[in-house]
N, C-alpha and C. Protein backbone atom coordinates (compact mmCIF):
# COMPACT_ATOMS: atom_id res chain seq x y z
N MET A 1 32.08 62.09 94.34
CA MET A 1 32.23 60.73 93.76
C MET A 1 32.02 60.86 92.11
N ASN A 2 32.83 60.25 91.48
CA ASN A 2 33.11 60.08 90.35
C ASN A 2 32.02 58.74 89.95
N ASN A 3 31.60 59.00 88.43
CA ASN A 3 30.53 58.13 88.04
C ASN A 3 30.81 56.37 87.94
N GLN A 4 32.16 56.19 88.05
CA GLN A 4 32.60 55.16 88.03
C GLN A 4 32.50 54.14 89.74
N SER A 5 32.62 54.85 90.49
CA SER A 5 32.33 54.09 91.63
C SER A 5 30.82 54.30 92.16
N ALA A 6 30.08 55.20 91.29
CA ALA A 6 28.54 55.63 91.97
C ALA A 6 27.66 53.90 90.95
N GLN A 7 28.38 53.49 90.25
CA GLN A 7 28.02 52.47 89.17
C GLN A 7 27.76 51.30 89.89
N PRO A 8 26.47 50.65 90.06
CA PRO A 8 25.91 49.25 90.60
C PRO A 8 27.01 48.40 90.41
N VAL A 9 26.85 47.71 92.19
CA VAL A 9 27.83 46.69 91.89
C VAL A 9 27.14 45.39 90.70
N LEU A 10 25.90 45.27 90.72
CA LEU A 10 25.56 44.40 89.64
C LEU A 10 26.22 44.44 88.34
N ASP A 11 25.88 46.20 87.93
CA ASP A 11 26.64 46.14 86.62
C ASP A 11 28.14 45.94 86.53
N ARG A 12 28.83 46.19 87.59
CA ARG A 12 30.12 45.19 87.45
C ARG A 12 30.62 44.12 87.45
N MET A 13 29.41 43.65 88.18
CA MET A 13 29.49 41.80 88.14
C MET A 13 29.49 41.52 86.47
N LEU A 14 28.73 42.31 85.70
CA LEU A 14 28.22 41.74 84.54
C LEU A 14 29.25 42.20 83.75
N GLN A 15 29.81 43.07 84.07
CA GLN A 15 31.27 43.73 83.31
C GLN A 15 32.31 42.77 83.13
N ALA A 16 32.19 41.92 84.17
CA ALA A 16 33.36 40.87 84.92
C ALA A 16 33.36 39.41 83.81
N ILE A 17 31.93 39.17 83.83
CA ILE A 17 31.09 37.80 83.27
C ILE A 17 31.57 37.91 81.81
N LYS A 18 31.61 39.39 81.39
CA LYS A 18 31.55 39.24 79.67
C LYS A 18 33.23 39.27 79.81
N ALA A 19 33.87 40.40 80.94
CA ALA A 19 35.18 39.88 80.47
C ALA A 19 35.86 38.25 80.55
N MET A 20 35.20 38.02 81.60
CA MET A 20 35.62 36.52 81.38
C MET A 20 35.25 35.54 80.61
N HIS A 21 34.02 35.62 79.39
CA HIS A 21 33.79 34.74 78.89
C HIS A 21 32.59 33.82 78.90
N LEU A 22 31.90 34.36 80.17
CA LEU A 22 31.15 33.50 80.48
C LEU A 22 29.65 33.54 80.04
N THR A 23 28.39 32.99 80.82
CA THR A 23 26.84 33.27 80.76
C THR A 23 27.00 33.72 81.51
N LYS A 24 25.49 34.55 81.86
CA LYS A 24 25.19 35.21 83.06
C LYS A 24 24.98 33.82 83.95
N VAL A 25 23.75 32.86 83.31
CA VAL A 25 23.64 31.56 84.17
C VAL A 25 24.60 30.69 84.79
N ALA A 26 25.65 31.00 83.37
CA ALA A 26 26.94 30.23 84.42
C ALA A 26 27.76 30.84 85.73
N ALA A 27 27.93 31.77 85.14
CA ALA A 27 28.63 32.66 86.55
C ALA A 27 28.04 32.67 87.19
N PHE A 28 26.57 32.83 88.12
CA PHE A 28 25.69 33.21 88.74
C PHE A 28 25.50 31.55 89.39
N SER A 29 25.35 30.56 89.06
CA SER A 29 25.24 29.79 89.09
C SER A 29 26.88 28.85 89.49
N LYS A 30 27.48 29.04 89.03
CA LYS A 30 28.70 29.11 90.13
C LYS A 30 29.34 29.84 91.28
N ALA A 31 28.46 30.41 91.33
CA ALA A 31 28.55 31.62 92.79
C ALA A 31 27.66 30.99 93.68
N GLY A 32 26.54 30.89 92.98
CA GLY A 32 25.48 29.95 94.05
C GLY A 32 24.32 31.26 94.26
N ILE A 33 24.23 31.61 92.93
CA ILE A 33 23.54 32.91 92.93
C ILE A 33 22.29 32.41 91.74
N VAL A 34 21.07 32.82 92.63
CA VAL A 34 19.74 31.81 91.76
C VAL A 34 19.75 33.34 90.66
N PRO A 35 19.90 32.42 89.40
CA PRO A 35 20.04 34.09 88.21
C PRO A 35 18.54 34.70 88.43
N SER A 36 17.67 33.65 88.42
CA SER A 36 15.94 34.21 88.41
C SER A 36 16.11 35.86 89.47
N ALA A 37 17.03 36.15 90.55
CA ALA A 37 16.79 37.11 91.29
C ALA A 37 17.87 38.03 90.48
N ILE A 38 18.68 37.69 90.15
CA ILE A 38 19.84 38.51 89.27
C ILE A 38 18.59 39.46 88.17
N TYR A 39 17.94 39.07 87.55
CA TYR A 39 17.02 39.06 86.61
C TYR A 39 16.16 39.93 87.08
N TYR A 40 15.41 39.62 88.15
CA TYR A 40 14.85 40.86 88.45
C TYR A 40 15.12 42.11 89.10
N ALA A 41 16.46 41.73 89.60
CA ALA A 41 17.11 42.91 90.03
C ALA A 41 17.41 44.06 88.86
N LEU A 42 18.04 43.67 87.95
CA LEU A 42 17.90 44.13 86.82
C LEU A 42 16.70 44.58 86.30
N ARG A 43 15.56 44.05 85.77
CA ARG A 43 14.39 44.23 85.45
C ARG A 43 13.90 45.79 86.67
N ILE A 44 14.15 45.85 87.75
CA ILE A 44 13.70 46.51 88.73
C ILE A 44 14.75 47.57 88.57
N GLY A 45 15.64 47.70 88.15
CA GLY A 45 16.46 48.44 88.01
C GLY A 45 17.41 48.34 89.77
N LYS A 46 17.68 47.08 90.49
CA LYS A 46 17.80 47.48 92.12
C LYS A 46 18.97 46.87 91.70
N ASP A 47 20.08 47.06 92.66
CA ASP A 47 21.26 46.51 92.85
C ASP A 47 21.85 44.90 93.71
N ILE A 48 22.46 44.72 93.63
CA ILE A 48 22.27 43.10 94.24
C ILE A 48 23.04 43.24 95.97
N GLY A 49 23.20 42.19 96.74
CA GLY A 49 23.29 42.74 98.19
C GLY A 49 24.44 42.47 98.39
N VAL A 50 24.61 42.02 99.43
CA VAL A 50 26.38 42.17 99.90
C VAL A 50 26.45 40.25 100.05
N ALA A 51 25.88 39.91 100.25
CA ALA A 51 25.76 38.55 100.24
C ALA A 51 26.14 37.80 99.05
N SER A 52 25.32 38.38 98.00
CA SER A 52 25.44 37.58 96.87
C SER A 52 26.90 38.21 96.17
N SER A 53 27.04 39.51 96.41
CA SER A 53 28.10 39.93 95.99
C SER A 53 29.72 39.02 96.52
N GLN A 54 29.66 38.92 97.52
CA GLN A 54 30.67 38.24 98.20
C GLN A 54 30.69 36.54 97.54
N ARG A 55 29.79 36.02 97.40
CA ARG A 55 29.43 34.52 96.69
C ARG A 55 30.18 35.10 95.31
N PHE A 56 29.83 36.04 94.71
CA PHE A 56 30.60 35.97 93.74
C PHE A 56 32.33 36.53 93.77
N LEU A 57 32.47 36.76 94.33
CA LEU A 57 34.09 37.55 95.00
C LEU A 57 34.75 35.77 94.92
N ASP A 58 33.68 34.97 95.84
CA ASP A 58 34.37 33.56 96.50
C ASP A 58 34.23 32.48 94.84
N ALA A 59 33.30 32.88 94.20
CA ALA A 59 33.64 32.36 93.23
C ALA A 59 34.49 32.52 92.29
N PHE A 60 35.13 33.74 91.97
CA PHE A 60 35.67 34.22 91.06
C PHE A 60 37.04 35.25 91.96
N PRO A 61 37.99 34.14 92.02
CA PRO A 61 38.61 35.19 93.41
C PRO A 61 39.78 36.09 92.26
N ASN A 62 40.03 35.92 91.05
CA ASN A 62 40.55 37.01 90.23
C ASN A 62 40.07 38.05 90.27
N VAL A 63 38.56 38.22 90.51
CA VAL A 63 37.81 39.82 89.97
C VAL A 63 38.51 40.52 91.68
N SER A 64 38.54 41.74 91.23
CA SER A 64 39.74 42.35 92.36
C SER A 64 38.24 43.00 92.99
N SER A 65 37.96 43.01 94.64
CA SER A 65 36.50 43.38 95.26
C SER A 65 37.09 45.22 95.32
N ASP A 66 38.17 45.39 95.55
CA ASP A 66 38.23 46.78 95.23
C ASP A 66 37.29 47.62 94.46
N TRP A 67 37.32 46.88 92.95
CA TRP A 67 37.39 47.39 91.93
C TRP A 67 35.29 47.24 91.71
N LEU A 68 35.03 45.93 92.15
CA LEU A 68 33.77 44.87 92.41
C LEU A 68 33.00 46.33 93.63
N TYR A 69 33.25 46.42 94.34
CA TYR A 69 32.71 47.20 95.51
C TYR A 69 32.56 48.89 95.20
N ASN A 70 33.48 49.68 94.66
CA ASN A 70 34.44 50.82 94.51
C ASN A 70 33.99 50.85 92.87
N GLY A 71 34.44 50.35 92.04
CA GLY A 71 34.91 51.12 90.77
C GLY A 71 36.22 51.63 90.84
N ALA A 72 37.34 51.01 91.92
CA ALA A 72 38.56 51.23 92.13
C ALA A 72 39.36 50.64 91.75
N GLY A 73 40.19 50.86 90.53
CA GLY A 73 41.49 49.95 90.53
C GLY A 73 41.17 49.24 89.19
N GLU A 74 42.15 47.91 88.94
CA GLU A 74 41.37 47.16 88.04
C GLU A 74 40.93 46.04 88.30
N MET A 75 40.18 45.81 86.98
CA MET A 75 38.99 44.69 87.47
C MET A 75 39.28 43.51 87.92
N PHE A 76 40.66 42.59 87.42
CA PHE A 76 41.11 41.73 87.78
C PHE A 76 42.29 41.88 88.52
N ILE A 77 42.87 40.61 89.56
CA ILE A 77 44.17 40.91 90.25
C ILE A 77 44.96 40.01 89.39
N GLY A 78 45.98 40.71 89.02
CA GLY A 78 46.93 40.37 87.91
C GLY A 78 46.62 40.25 86.74
N ASN A 79 46.97 39.70 85.77
CA ASN A 79 46.82 39.81 83.95
C ASN A 79 45.04 38.83 84.21
N ASP A 80 44.55 38.21 85.23
CA ASP A 80 44.04 36.78 84.72
C ASP A 80 42.96 37.76 84.31
N ALA A 81 42.02 37.17 82.96
CA ALA A 81 40.73 36.77 82.56
C ALA A 81 39.68 35.89 82.58
C-alpha cells in the first residue's frame, strides 16, 4: 500500500475543500455534515465515516470518489476545481 492510499479520507476531503477555495464550515454545511463532528475527528485523529464521506461526494459531484476513498487518480472529475 502506498502512502497516498493510506491517507485518511478526511485528509483528502480537506485537500479538496482547500482546492475549491471553500471554508471547512461552508463545505461541510453544504454536505449536511456537522462541522463540530469533523473538528472532533481531527482532534482525536479519527477518520470520517462512510455516510459522511458519501454526503460530501453528493454535495461535490466533481470530486472523484476513487481519489477520495483510495487516493487514486485525479482529485477532480474533468478539470473542475
